[in-house]
ModelCIF file with pLDDT and N, C-alpha, C, O atoms, coordinates in Angstrom:
data_MODEL
#
_entry.id   MODEL 
#
_entity.id                         1 
_entity.type                       polymer 
_entity.pdbx_number_of_molecules   1 
#
_entity_poly.entity_id                      1 
_entity_poly.type                           'polypeptide(L)' 
_entity_poly.nstd_linkage                   no 
_entity_poly.nstd_monomer                   no 
_entity_poly.pdbx_seq_one_letter_code       
;(UNK)(UNK)(UNK)(UNK)(UNK)(UNK)(UNK)(UNK)(UNK)(UNK)(UNK)(UNK)(UNK)(UNK)(UNK)(UNK)
(UNK)(UNK)(UNK)(UNK)(UNK)(UNK)(UNK)(UNK)(UNK)(UNK)(UNK)(UNK)(UNK)(UNK)(UNK)(UNK)
(UNK)(UNK)(UNK)(UNK)(UNK)(UNK)(UNK)(UNK)(UNK)(UNK)(UNK)(UNK)(UNK)(UNK)(UNK)(UNK)
;
_entity_poly.pdbx_seq_one_letter_code_can   XXXXXXXXXXXXXXXXXXXXXXXXXXXXXXXXXXXXXXXXXXXXXXXX 
_entity_poly.pdbx_strand_id                 A 
#
loop_
_entity_poly_seq.entity_id 
_entity_poly_seq.num 
_entity_poly_seq.mon_id 
_entity_poly_seq.hetero 
1 1  UNK n 
1 2  UNK n 
1 3  UNK n 
1 4  UNK n 
1 5  UNK n 
1 6  UNK n 
1 7  UNK n 
1 8  UNK n 
1 9  UNK n 
1 10 UNK n 
1 11 UNK n 
1 12 UNK n 
1 13 UNK n 
1 14 UNK n 
1 15 UNK n 
1 16 UNK n 
1 17 UNK n 
1 18 UNK n 
1 19 UNK n 
1 20 UNK n 
1 21 UNK n 
1 22 UNK n 
1 23 UNK n 
1 24 UNK n 
1 25 UNK n 
1 26 UNK n 
1 27 UNK n 
1 28 UNK n 
1 29 UNK n 
1 30 UNK n 
1 31 UNK n 
1 32 UNK n 
1 33 UNK n 
1 34 UNK n 
1 35 UNK n 
1 36 UNK n 
1 37 UNK n 
1 38 UNK n 
1 39 UNK n 
1 40 UNK n 
1 41 UNK n 
1 42 UNK n 
1 43 UNK n 
1 44 UNK n 
1 45 UNK n 
1 46 UNK n 
1 47 UNK n 
1 48 UNK n 
#
_struct_asym.id          A 
_struct_asym.entity_id   1 
#
loop_
_ma_qa_metric.id 
_ma_qa_metric.mode 
_ma_qa_metric.name 
_ma_qa_metric.software_group_id 
_ma_qa_metric.type 
1 global pLDDT . pLDDT 
2 local  pLDDT . pLDDT 
#
_ma_qa_metric_global.metric_id      1 
_ma_qa_metric_global.metric_value   96.75 
_ma_qa_metric_global.model_id       1 
_ma_qa_metric_global.ordinal_id     1 
#
loop_
_ma_qa_metric_local.label_asym_id 
_ma_qa_metric_local.label_comp_id 
_ma_qa_metric_local.label_seq_id 
_ma_qa_metric_local.metric_id 
_ma_qa_metric_local.metric_value 
_ma_qa_metric_local.model_id 
_ma_qa_metric_local.ordinal_id 
A UNK 1  2 98.00 1 1  
A UNK 2  2 98.00 1 2  
A UNK 3  2 98.00 1 3  
A UNK 4  2 98.00 1 4  
A UNK 5  2 97.00 1 5  
A UNK 6  2 98.00 1 6  
A UNK 7  2 98.00 1 7  
A UNK 8  2 98.00 1 8  
A UNK 9  2 98.00 1 9  
A UNK 10 2 94.00 1 10 
A UNK 11 2 96.00 1 11 
A UNK 12 2 96.00 1 12 
A UNK 13 2 97.00 1 13 
A UNK 14 2 98.00 1 14 
A UNK 15 2 97.00 1 15 
A UNK 16 2 97.00 1 16 
A UNK 17 2 97.00 1 17 
A UNK 18 2 97.00 1 18 
A UNK 19 2 97.00 1 19 
A UNK 20 2 96.00 1 20 
A UNK 21 2 95.00 1 21 
A UNK 22 2 93.00 1 22 
A UNK 23 2 95.00 1 23 
A UNK 24 2 96.00 1 24 
A UNK 25 2 96.00 1 25 
A UNK 26 2 96.00 1 26 
A UNK 27 2 96.00 1 27 
A UNK 28 2 95.00 1 28 
A UNK 29 2 95.00 1 29 
A UNK 30 2 94.00 1 30 
A UNK 31 2 95.00 1 31 
A UNK 32 2 97.00 1 32 
A UNK 33 2 96.00 1 33 
A UNK 34 2 95.00 1 34 
A UNK 35 2 97.00 1 35 
A UNK 36 2 98.00 1 36 
A UNK 37 2 98.00 1 37 
A UNK 38 2 98.00 1 38 
A UNK 39 2 98.00 1 39 
A UNK 40 2 98.00 1 40 
A UNK 41 2 98.00 1 41 
A UNK 42 2 98.00 1 42 
A UNK 43 2 97.00 1 43 
A UNK 44 2 97.00 1 44 
A UNK 45 2 97.00 1 45 
A UNK 46 2 98.00 1 46 
A UNK 47 2 98.00 1 47 
A UNK 48 2 97.00 1 48 
#
loop_
_atom_site.group_PDB 
_atom_site.id 
_atom_site.type_symbol 
_atom_site.label_atom_id 
_atom_site.label_alt_id 
_atom_site.label_comp_id 
_atom_site.label_asym_id 
_atom_site.label_entity_id 
_atom_site.label_seq_id 
_atom_site.pdbx_PDB_ins_code 
_atom_site.Cartn_x 
_atom_site.Cartn_y 
_atom_site.Cartn_z 
_atom_site.occupancy 
_atom_site.B_iso_or_equiv 
_atom_site.pdbx_formal_charge 
_atom_site.auth_seq_id 
_atom_site.auth_comp_id 
_atom_site.auth_asym_id 
_atom_site.auth_atom_id 
_atom_site.pdbx_PDB_model_num 
ATOM 1   N N  . UNK A 1 1  ? -104.982 14.526 -28.580 1.00 98.00 ? 1  UNK A N  1 
ATOM 2   C CA . UNK A 1 1  ? -104.464 13.369 -29.298 1.00 98.00 ? 1  UNK A CA 1 
ATOM 3   C C  . UNK A 1 1  ? -102.975 13.194 -29.065 1.00 98.00 ? 1  UNK A C  1 
ATOM 4   O O  . UNK A 1 1  ? -102.360 13.914 -28.279 1.00 98.00 ? 1  UNK A O  1 
ATOM 5   N N  . UNK A 1 2  ? -102.411 12.226 -29.764 1.00 98.00 ? 2  UNK A N  1 
ATOM 6   C CA . UNK A 1 2  ? -100.992 11.900 -29.618 1.00 98.00 ? 2  UNK A CA 1 
ATOM 7   C C  . UNK A 1 2  ? -100.337 11.743 -30.979 1.00 98.00 ? 2  UNK A C  1 
ATOM 8   O O  . UNK A 1 2  ? -101.008 11.544 -31.992 1.00 98.00 ? 2  UNK A O  1 
ATOM 9   N N  . UNK A 1 3  ? -99.039  11.836 -30.982 1.00 98.00 ? 3  UNK A N  1 
ATOM 10  C CA . UNK A 1 3  ? -98.240  11.592 -32.180 1.00 98.00 ? 3  UNK A CA 1 
ATOM 11  C C  . UNK A 1 3  ? -98.045  10.087 -32.296 1.00 98.00 ? 3  UNK A C  1 
ATOM 12  O O  . UNK A 1 3  ? -97.497  9.468  -31.384 1.00 98.00 ? 3  UNK A O  1 
ATOM 13  N N  . UNK A 1 4  ? -98.483  9.485  -33.402 1.00 98.00 ? 4  UNK A N  1 
ATOM 14  C CA . UNK A 1 4  ? -98.311  8.037  -33.562 1.00 98.00 ? 4  UNK A CA 1 
ATOM 15  C C  . UNK A 1 4  ? -96.835  7.640  -33.423 1.00 98.00 ? 4  UNK A C  1 
ATOM 16  O O  . UNK A 1 4  ? -95.957  8.233  -34.050 1.00 98.00 ? 4  UNK A O  1 
ATOM 17  N N  . UNK A 1 5  ? -96.586  6.639  -32.599 1.00 97.00 ? 5  UNK A N  1 
ATOM 18  C CA . UNK A 1 5  ? -95.230  6.126  -32.421 1.00 97.00 ? 5  UNK A CA 1 
ATOM 19  C C  . UNK A 1 5  ? -94.422  6.825  -31.347 1.00 97.00 ? 5  UNK A C  1 
ATOM 20  O O  . UNK A 1 5  ? -93.352  6.344  -30.973 1.00 97.00 ? 5  UNK A O  1 
ATOM 21  N N  . UNK A 1 6  ? -94.906  7.948  -30.841 1.00 98.00 ? 6  UNK A N  1 
ATOM 22  C CA . UNK A 1 6  ? -94.167  8.653  -29.788 1.00 98.00 ? 6  UNK A CA 1 
ATOM 23  C C  . UNK A 1 6  ? -94.285  7.891  -28.471 1.00 98.00 ? 6  UNK A C  1 
ATOM 24  O O  . UNK A 1 6  ? -95.331  7.315  -28.168 1.00 98.00 ? 6  UNK A O  1 
ATOM 25  N N  . UNK A 1 7  ? -93.218  7.893  -27.703 1.00 98.00 ? 7  UNK A N  1 
ATOM 26  C CA . UNK A 1 7  ? -93.269  7.332  -26.362 1.00 98.00 ? 7  UNK A CA 1 
ATOM 27  C C  . UNK A 1 7  ? -93.990  8.323  -25.463 1.00 98.00 ? 7  UNK A C  1 
ATOM 28  O O  . UNK A 1 7  ? -93.773  9.530  -25.565 1.00 98.00 ? 7  UNK A O  1 
ATOM 29  N N  . UNK A 1 8  ? -94.830  7.828  -24.600 1.00 98.00 ? 8  UNK A N  1 
ATOM 30  C CA . UNK A 1 8  ? -95.537  8.672  -23.645 1.00 98.00 ? 8  UNK A CA 1 
ATOM 31  C C  . UNK A 1 8  ? -94.865  8.501  -22.288 1.00 98.00 ? 8  UNK A C  1 
ATOM 32  O O  . UNK A 1 8  ? -94.944  7.441  -21.668 1.00 98.00 ? 8  UNK A O  1 
ATOM 33  N N  . UNK A 1 9  ? -94.207  9.556  -21.844 1.00 98.00 ? 9  UNK A N  1 
ATOM 34  C CA . UNK A 1 9  ? -93.477  9.522  -20.576 1.00 98.00 ? 9  UNK A CA 1 
ATOM 35  C C  . UNK A 1 9  ? -93.822  10.795 -19.815 1.00 98.00 ? 9  UNK A C  1 
ATOM 36  O O  . UNK A 1 9  ? -93.527  11.896 -20.281 1.00 98.00 ? 9  UNK A O  1 
ATOM 37  N N  . UNK A 1 10 ? -94.436  10.657 -18.666 1.00 94.00 ? 10 UNK A N  1 
ATOM 38  C CA . UNK A 1 10 ? -94.748  11.824 -17.855 1.00 94.00 ? 10 UNK A CA 1 
ATOM 39  C C  . UNK A 1 10 ? -93.455  12.566 -17.526 1.00 94.00 ? 10 UNK A C  1 
ATOM 40  O O  . UNK A 1 10 ? -92.405  11.952 -17.333 1.00 94.00 ? 10 UNK A O  1 
ATOM 41  N N  . UNK A 1 11 ? -93.543  13.870 -17.465 1.00 96.00 ? 11 UNK A N  1 
ATOM 42  C CA . UNK A 1 11 ? -92.350  14.701 -17.240 1.00 96.00 ? 11 UNK A CA 1 
ATOM 43  C C  . UNK A 1 11 ? -91.594  14.296 -15.977 1.00 96.00 ? 11 UNK A C  1 
ATOM 44  O O  . UNK A 1 11 ? -90.363  14.275 -15.974 1.00 96.00 ? 11 UNK A O  1 
ATOM 45  N N  . UNK A 1 12 ? -92.310  13.978 -14.918 1.00 96.00 ? 12 UNK A N  1 
ATOM 46  C CA . UNK A 1 12 ? -91.641  13.640 -13.661 1.00 96.00 ? 12 UNK A CA 1 
ATOM 47  C C  . UNK A 1 12 ? -90.932  12.284 -13.696 1.00 96.00 ? 12 UNK A C  1 
ATOM 48  O O  . UNK A 1 12 ? -90.237  11.933 -12.743 1.00 96.00 ? 12 UNK A O  1 
ATOM 49  N N  . UNK A 1 13 ? -91.095  11.522 -14.768 1.00 97.00 ? 13 UNK A N  1 
ATOM 50  C CA . UNK A 1 13 ? -90.417  10.227 -14.906 1.00 97.00 ? 13 UNK A CA 1 
ATOM 51  C C  . UNK A 1 13 ? -89.364  10.228 -16.009 1.00 97.00 ? 13 UNK A C  1 
ATOM 52  O O  . UNK A 1 13 ? -88.671  9.228  -16.199 1.00 97.00 ? 13 UNK A O  1 
ATOM 53  N N  . UNK A 1 14 ? -89.235  11.318 -16.726 1.00 98.00 ? 14 UNK A N  1 
ATOM 54  C CA . UNK A 1 14 ? -88.418  11.362 -17.939 1.00 98.00 ? 14 UNK A CA 1 
ATOM 55  C C  . UNK A 1 14 ? -86.987  10.888 -17.724 1.00 98.00 ? 14 UNK A C  1 
ATOM 56  O O  . UNK A 1 14 ? -86.519  9.998  -18.433 1.00 98.00 ? 14 UNK A O  1 
ATOM 57  N N  . UNK A 1 15 ? -86.300  11.462 -16.771 1.00 97.00 ? 15 UNK A N  1 
ATOM 58  C CA . UNK A 1 15 ? -84.893  11.114 -16.572 1.00 97.00 ? 15 UNK A CA 1 
ATOM 59  C C  . UNK A 1 15 ? -84.731  9.649  -16.185 1.00 97.00 ? 15 UNK A C  1 
ATOM 60  O O  . UNK A 1 15 ? -83.800  8.987  -16.645 1.00 97.00 ? 15 UNK A O  1 
ATOM 61  N N  . UNK A 1 16 ? -85.621  9.140  -15.352 1.00 97.00 ? 16 UNK A N  1 
ATOM 62  C CA . UNK A 1 16 ? -85.536  7.732  -14.935 1.00 97.00 ? 16 UNK A CA 1 
ATOM 63  C C  . UNK A 1 16 ? -85.789  6.797  -16.109 1.00 97.00 ? 16 UNK A C  1 
ATOM 64  O O  . UNK A 1 16 ? -85.167  5.738  -16.195 1.00 97.00 ? 16 UNK A O  1 
ATOM 65  N N  . UNK A 1 17 ? -86.667  7.158  -16.992 1.00 97.00 ? 17 UNK A N  1 
ATOM 66  C CA . UNK A 1 17 ? -87.022  6.290  -18.119 1.00 97.00 ? 17 UNK A CA 1 
ATOM 67  C C  . UNK A 1 17 ? -86.025  6.344  -19.275 1.00 97.00 ? 17 UNK A C  1 
ATOM 68  O O  . UNK A 1 17 ? -85.914  5.387  -20.041 1.00 97.00 ? 17 UNK A O  1 
ATOM 69  N N  . UNK A 1 18 ? -85.297  7.463  -19.408 1.00 97.00 ? 18 UNK A N  1 
ATOM 70  C CA . UNK A 1 18 ? -84.407  7.603  -20.563 1.00 97.00 ? 18 UNK A CA 1 
ATOM 71  C C  . UNK A 1 18 ? -82.931  7.487  -20.235 1.00 97.00 ? 18 UNK A C  1 
ATOM 72  O O  . UNK A 1 18 ? -82.111  7.471  -21.153 1.00 97.00 ? 18 UNK A O  1 
ATOM 73  N N  . UNK A 1 19 ? -82.557  7.405  -18.967 1.00 97.00 ? 19 UNK A N  1 
ATOM 74  C CA . UNK A 1 19 ? -81.153  7.226  -18.613 1.00 97.00 ? 19 UNK A CA 1 
ATOM 75  C C  . UNK A 1 19 ? -80.729  5.808  -19.009 1.00 97.00 ? 19 UNK A C  1 
ATOM 76  O O  . UNK A 1 19 ? -81.214  4.835  -18.430 1.00 97.00 ? 19 UNK A O  1 
ATOM 77  N N  . UNK A 1 20 ? -79.835  5.686  -19.983 1.00 96.00 ? 20 UNK A N  1 
ATOM 78  C CA . UNK A 1 20 ? -79.430  4.345  -20.440 1.00 96.00 ? 20 UNK A CA 1 
ATOM 79  C C  . UNK A 1 20 ? -78.816  3.485  -19.345 1.00 96.00 ? 20 UNK A C  1 
ATOM 80  O O  . UNK A 1 20 ? -78.799  2.260  -19.465 1.00 96.00 ? 20 UNK A O  1 
ATOM 81  N N  . UNK A 1 21 ? -78.313  4.098  -18.284 1.00 95.00 ? 21 UNK A N  1 
ATOM 82  C CA . UNK A 1 21 ? -77.704  3.347  -17.186 1.00 95.00 ? 21 UNK A CA 1 
ATOM 83  C C  . UNK A 1 21 ? -78.641  3.160  -16.018 1.00 95.00 ? 21 UNK A C  1 
ATOM 84  O O  . UNK A 1 21 ? -78.267  2.546  -15.018 1.00 95.00 ? 21 UNK A O  1 
ATOM 85  N N  . UNK A 1 22 ? -79.868  3.683  -16.125 1.00 93.00 ? 22 UNK A N  1 
ATOM 86  C CA . UNK A 1 22 ? -80.802  3.637  -15.013 1.00 93.00 ? 22 UNK A CA 1 
ATOM 87  C C  . UNK A 1 22 ? -81.515  2.298  -14.874 1.00 93.00 ? 22 UNK A C  1 
ATOM 88  O O  . UNK A 1 22 ? -81.733  1.595  -15.861 1.00 93.00 ? 22 UNK A O  1 
ATOM 89  N N  . UNK A 1 23 ? -81.866  1.961  -13.668 1.00 95.00 ? 23 UNK A N  1 
ATOM 90  C CA . UNK A 1 23 ? -82.559  0.698  -13.409 1.00 95.00 ? 23 UNK A CA 1 
ATOM 91  C C  . UNK A 1 23 ? -84.023  0.743  -13.829 1.00 95.00 ? 23 UNK A C  1 
ATOM 92  O O  . UNK A 1 23 ? -84.657  -0.308 -13.922 1.00 95.00 ? 23 UNK A O  1 
ATOM 93  N N  . UNK A 1 24 ? -84.576  1.916  -14.085 1.00 96.00 ? 24 UNK A N  1 
ATOM 94  C CA . UNK A 1 24 ? -85.975  2.061  -14.477 1.00 96.00 ? 24 UNK A CA 1 
ATOM 95  C C  . UNK A 1 24 ? -86.130  2.513  -15.929 1.00 96.00 ? 24 UNK A C  1 
ATOM 96  O O  . UNK A 1 24 ? -87.180  3.025  -16.315 1.00 96.00 ? 24 UNK A O  1 
ATOM 97  N N  . UNK A 1 25 ? -85.101  2.326  -16.715 1.00 96.00 ? 25 UNK A N  1 
ATOM 98  C CA . UNK A 1 25 ? -85.116  2.817  -18.094 1.00 96.00 ? 25 UNK A CA 1 
ATOM 99  C C  . UNK A 1 25 ? -86.059  2.013  -18.972 1.00 96.00 ? 25 UNK A C  1 
ATOM 100 O O  . UNK A 1 25 ? -86.346  0.843  -18.717 1.00 96.00 ? 25 UNK A O  1 
ATOM 101 N N  . UNK A 1 26 ? -86.530  2.684  -20.015 1.00 96.00 ? 26 UNK A N  1 
ATOM 102 C CA . UNK A 1 26 ? -87.339  2.022  -21.038 1.00 96.00 ? 26 UNK A CA 1 
ATOM 103 C C  . UNK A 1 26 ? -86.428  1.253  -21.987 1.00 96.00 ? 26 UNK A C  1 
ATOM 104 O O  . UNK A 1 26 ? -85.253  1.596  -22.113 1.00 96.00 ? 26 UNK A O  1 
ATOM 105 N N  . UNK A 1 27 ? -86.936  0.228  -22.654 1.00 96.00 ? 27 UNK A N  1 
ATOM 106 C CA . UNK A 1 27 ? -86.112  -0.527 -23.595 1.00 96.00 ? 27 UNK A CA 1 
ATOM 107 C C  . UNK A 1 27 ? -85.541  0.347  -24.716 1.00 96.00 ? 27 UNK A C  1 
ATOM 108 O O  . UNK A 1 27 ? -84.491  0.029  -25.273 1.00 96.00 ? 27 UNK A O  1 
ATOM 109 N N  . UNK A 1 28 ? -86.221  1.436  -25.045 1.00 95.00 ? 28 UNK A N  1 
ATOM 110 C CA . UNK A 1 28 ? -85.760  2.326  -26.112 1.00 95.00 ? 28 UNK A CA 1 
ATOM 111 C C  . UNK A 1 28 ? -84.554  3.166  -25.695 1.00 95.00 ? 28 UNK A C  1 
ATOM 112 O O  . UNK A 1 28 ? -83.886  3.753  -26.546 1.00 95.00 ? 28 UNK A O  1 
ATOM 113 N N  . UNK A 1 29 ? -84.276  3.228  -24.416 1.00 95.00 ? 29 UNK A N  1 
ATOM 114 C CA . UNK A 1 29 ? -83.138  4.001  -23.902 1.00 95.00 ? 29 UNK A CA 1 
ATOM 115 C C  . UNK A 1 29 ? -81.882  3.141  -24.002 1.00 95.00 ? 29 UNK A C  1 
ATOM 116 O O  . UNK A 1 29 ? -81.375  2.643  -22.997 1.00 95.00 ? 29 UNK A O  1 
ATOM 117 N N  . UNK A 1 30 ? -81.394  2.977  -25.215 1.00 94.00 ? 30 UNK A N  1 
ATOM 118 C CA . UNK A 1 30 ? -80.324  2.029  -25.498 1.00 94.00 ? 30 UNK A CA 1 
ATOM 119 C C  . UNK A 1 30 ? -78.919  2.587  -25.354 1.00 94.00 ? 30 UNK A C  1 
ATOM 120 O O  . UNK A 1 30 ? -77.957  1.823  -25.282 1.00 94.00 ? 30 UNK A O  1 
ATOM 121 N N  . UNK A 1 31 ? -78.786  3.900  -25.312 1.00 95.00 ? 31 UNK A N  1 
ATOM 122 C CA . UNK A 1 31 ? -77.451  4.485  -25.195 1.00 95.00 ? 31 UNK A CA 1 
ATOM 123 C C  . UNK A 1 31 ? -77.512  5.999  -25.200 1.00 95.00 ? 31 UNK A C  1 
ATOM 124 O O  . UNK A 1 31 ? -78.562  6.604  -25.417 1.00 95.00 ? 31 UNK A O  1 
ATOM 125 N N  . UNK A 1 32 ? -76.358  6.589  -24.954 1.00 97.00 ? 32 UNK A N  1 
ATOM 126 C CA . UNK A 1 32 ? -76.277  8.043  -24.877 1.00 97.00 ? 32 UNK A CA 1 
ATOM 127 C C  . UNK A 1 32 ? -76.292  8.715  -26.250 1.00 97.00 ? 32 UNK A C  1 
ATOM 128 O O  . UNK A 1 32 ? -76.398  9.938  -26.333 1.00 97.00 ? 32 UNK A O  1 
ATOM 129 N N  . UNK A 1 33 ? -76.189  7.941  -27.320 1.00 96.00 ? 33 UNK A N  1 
ATOM 130 C CA . UNK A 1 33 ? -76.184  8.515  -28.665 1.00 96.00 ? 33 UNK A CA 1 
ATOM 131 C C  . UNK A 1 33 ? -77.565  8.585  -29.306 1.00 96.00 ? 33 UNK A C  1 
ATOM 132 O O  . UNK A 1 33 ? -77.689  9.075  -30.429 1.00 96.00 ? 33 UNK A O  1 
ATOM 133 N N  . UNK A 1 34 ? -78.595  8.115  -28.633 1.00 95.00 ? 34 UNK A N  1 
ATOM 134 C CA . UNK A 1 34 ? -79.954  8.157  -29.175 1.00 95.00 ? 34 UNK A CA 1 
ATOM 135 C C  . UNK A 1 34 ? -80.380  9.619  -29.307 1.00 95.00 ? 34 UNK A C  1 
ATOM 136 O O  . UNK A 1 34 ? -80.205  10.415 -28.385 1.00 95.00 ? 34 UNK A O  1 
ATOM 137 N N  . UNK A 1 35 ? -80.942  9.959  -30.468 1.00 97.00 ? 35 UNK A N  1 
ATOM 138 C CA . UNK A 1 35 ? -81.496  11.302 -30.607 1.00 97.00 ? 35 UNK A CA 1 
ATOM 139 C C  . UNK A 1 35 ? -82.908  11.286 -30.045 1.00 97.00 ? 35 UNK A C  1 
ATOM 140 O O  . UNK A 1 35 ? -83.817  10.686 -30.618 1.00 97.00 ? 35 UNK A O  1 
ATOM 141 N N  . UNK A 1 36 ? -83.070  11.951 -28.920 1.00 98.00 ? 36 UNK A N  1 
ATOM 142 C CA . UNK A 1 36 ? -84.361  12.071 -28.255 1.00 98.00 ? 36 UNK A CA 1 
ATOM 143 C C  . UNK A 1 36 ? -84.922  13.442 -28.582 1.00 98.00 ? 36 UNK A C  1 
ATOM 144 O O  . UNK A 1 36 ? -84.244  14.456 -28.419 1.00 98.00 ? 36 UNK A O  1 
ATOM 145 N N  . UNK A 1 37 ? -86.181  13.470 -29.051 1.00 98.00 ? 37 UNK A N  1 
ATOM 146 C CA . UNK A 1 37 ? -86.874  14.730 -29.301 1.00 98.00 ? 37 UNK A CA 1 
ATOM 147 C C  . UNK A 1 37 ? -88.008  14.821 -28.293 1.00 98.00 ? 37 UNK A C  1 
ATOM 148 O O  . UNK A 1 37 ? -88.993  14.088 -28.382 1.00 98.00 ? 37 UNK A O  1 
ATOM 149 N N  . UNK A 1 38 ? -87.861  15.725 -27.335 1.00 98.00 ? 38 UNK A N  1 
ATOM 150 C CA . UNK A 1 38 ? -88.860  15.886 -26.284 1.00 98.00 ? 38 UNK A CA 1 
ATOM 151 C C  . UNK A 1 38 ? -89.975  16.797 -26.800 1.00 98.00 ? 38 UNK A C  1 
ATOM 152 O O  . UNK A 1 38 ? -89.720  17.852 -27.381 1.00 98.00 ? 38 UNK A O  1 
ATOM 153 N N  . UNK A 1 39 ? -91.216  16.361 -26.573 1.00 98.00 ? 39 UNK A N  1 
ATOM 154 C CA . UNK A 1 39 ? -92.391  17.099 -27.035 1.00 98.00 ? 39 UNK A CA 1 
ATOM 155 C C  . UNK A 1 39 ? -93.258  17.447 -25.829 1.00 98.00 ? 39 UNK A C  1 
ATOM 156 O O  . UNK A 1 39 ? -93.695  16.564 -25.091 1.00 98.00 ? 39 UNK A O  1 
ATOM 157 N N  . UNK A 1 40 ? -93.501  18.739 -25.640 1.00 98.00 ? 40 UNK A N  1 
ATOM 158 C CA . UNK A 1 40 ? -94.481  19.178 -24.654 1.00 98.00 ? 40 UNK A CA 1 
ATOM 159 C C  . UNK A 1 40 ? -95.617  19.843 -25.427 1.00 98.00 ? 40 UNK A C  1 
ATOM 160 O O  . UNK A 1 40 ? -95.731  19.640 -26.636 1.00 98.00 ? 40 UNK A O  1 
ATOM 161 N N  . UNK A 1 41 ? -96.435  20.608 -24.781 1.00 98.00 ? 41 UNK A N  1 
ATOM 162 C CA . UNK A 1 41 ? -97.580  21.186 -25.466 1.00 98.00 ? 41 UNK A CA 1 
ATOM 163 C C  . UNK A 1 41 ? -97.195  22.315 -26.420 1.00 98.00 ? 41 UNK A C  1 
ATOM 164 O O  . UNK A 1 41 ? -97.663  22.352 -27.558 1.00 98.00 ? 41 UNK A O  1 
ATOM 165 N N  . UNK A 1 42 ? -96.339  23.241 -25.960 1.00 98.00 ? 42 UNK A N  1 
ATOM 166 C CA . UNK A 1 42 ? -96.008  24.400 -26.786 1.00 98.00 ? 42 UNK A CA 1 
ATOM 167 C C  . UNK A 1 42 ? -94.512  24.657 -26.936 1.00 98.00 ? 42 UNK A C  1 
ATOM 168 O O  . UNK A 1 42 ? -94.124  25.654 -27.546 1.00 98.00 ? 42 UNK A O  1 
ATOM 169 N N  . UNK A 1 43 ? -93.668  23.789 -26.400 1.00 97.00 ? 43 UNK A N  1 
ATOM 170 C CA . UNK A 1 43 ? -92.229  23.930 -26.606 1.00 97.00 ? 43 UNK A CA 1 
ATOM 171 C C  . UNK A 1 43 ? -91.487  24.690 -25.528 1.00 97.00 ? 43 UNK A C  1 
ATOM 172 O O  . UNK A 1 43 ? -90.403  25.211 -25.790 1.00 97.00 ? 43 UNK A O  1 
ATOM 173 N N  . UNK A 1 44 ? -92.027  24.771 -24.336 1.00 97.00 ? 44 UNK A N  1 
ATOM 174 C CA . UNK A 1 44 ? -91.335  25.442 -23.236 1.00 97.00 ? 44 UNK A CA 1 
ATOM 175 C C  . UNK A 1 44 ? -90.773  24.424 -22.249 1.00 97.00 ? 44 UNK A C  1 
ATOM 176 O O  . UNK A 1 44 ? -89.563  24.370 -22.030 1.00 97.00 ? 44 UNK A O  1 
ATOM 177 N N  . UNK A 1 45 ? -91.647  23.620 -21.657 1.00 97.00 ? 45 UNK A N  1 
ATOM 178 C CA . UNK A 1 45 ? -91.197  22.609 -20.686 1.00 97.00 ? 45 UNK A CA 1 
ATOM 179 C C  . UNK A 1 45 ? -90.235  21.623 -21.339 1.00 97.00 ? 45 UNK A C  1 
ATOM 180 O O  . UNK A 1 45 ? -89.335  21.101 -20.681 1.00 97.00 ? 45 UNK A O  1 
ATOM 181 N N  . UNK A 1 46 ? -90.424  21.369 -22.625 1.00 98.00 ? 46 UNK A N  1 
ATOM 182 C CA . UNK A 1 46 ? -89.553  20.422 -23.328 1.00 98.00 ? 46 UNK A CA 1 
ATOM 183 C C  . UNK A 1 46 ? -88.118  20.935 -23.413 1.00 98.00 ? 46 UNK A C  1 
ATOM 184 O O  . UNK A 1 46 ? -87.179  20.139 -23.416 1.00 98.00 ? 46 UNK A O  1 
ATOM 185 N N  . UNK A 1 47 ? -87.937  22.242 -23.480 1.00 98.00 ? 47 UNK A N  1 
ATOM 186 C CA . UNK A 1 47 ? -86.577  22.799 -23.516 1.00 98.00 ? 47 UNK A CA 1 
ATOM 187 C C  . UNK A 1 47 ? -85.838  22.491 -22.220 1.00 98.00 ? 47 UNK A C  1 
ATOM 188 O O  . UNK A 1 47 ? -84.677  22.080 -22.242 1.00 98.00 ? 47 UNK A O  1 
ATOM 189 N N  . UNK A 1 48 ? -86.507  22.688 -21.105 1.00 97.00 ? 48 UNK A N  1 
ATOM 190 C CA . UNK A 1 48 ? -85.890  22.388 -19.819 1.00 97.00 ? 48 UNK A CA 1 
ATOM 191 C C  . UNK A 1 48 ? -85.656  20.892 -19.659 1.00 97.00 ? 48 UNK A C  1 
ATOM 192 O O  . UNK A 1 48 ? -85.141  20.454 -18.630 1.00 97.00 ? 48 UNK A O  1 
#
């Protein structure tokens, strides 16, 4: 399942989708001050 309201972004696209200055960013990537909480399965890949 998924967390309601969470953005679903494959790990290999994360930086492109969340860089506020990137040409492939998501609309939610509005600036460098956004608190982003990365969620992986058990909390390892999300740290990196």
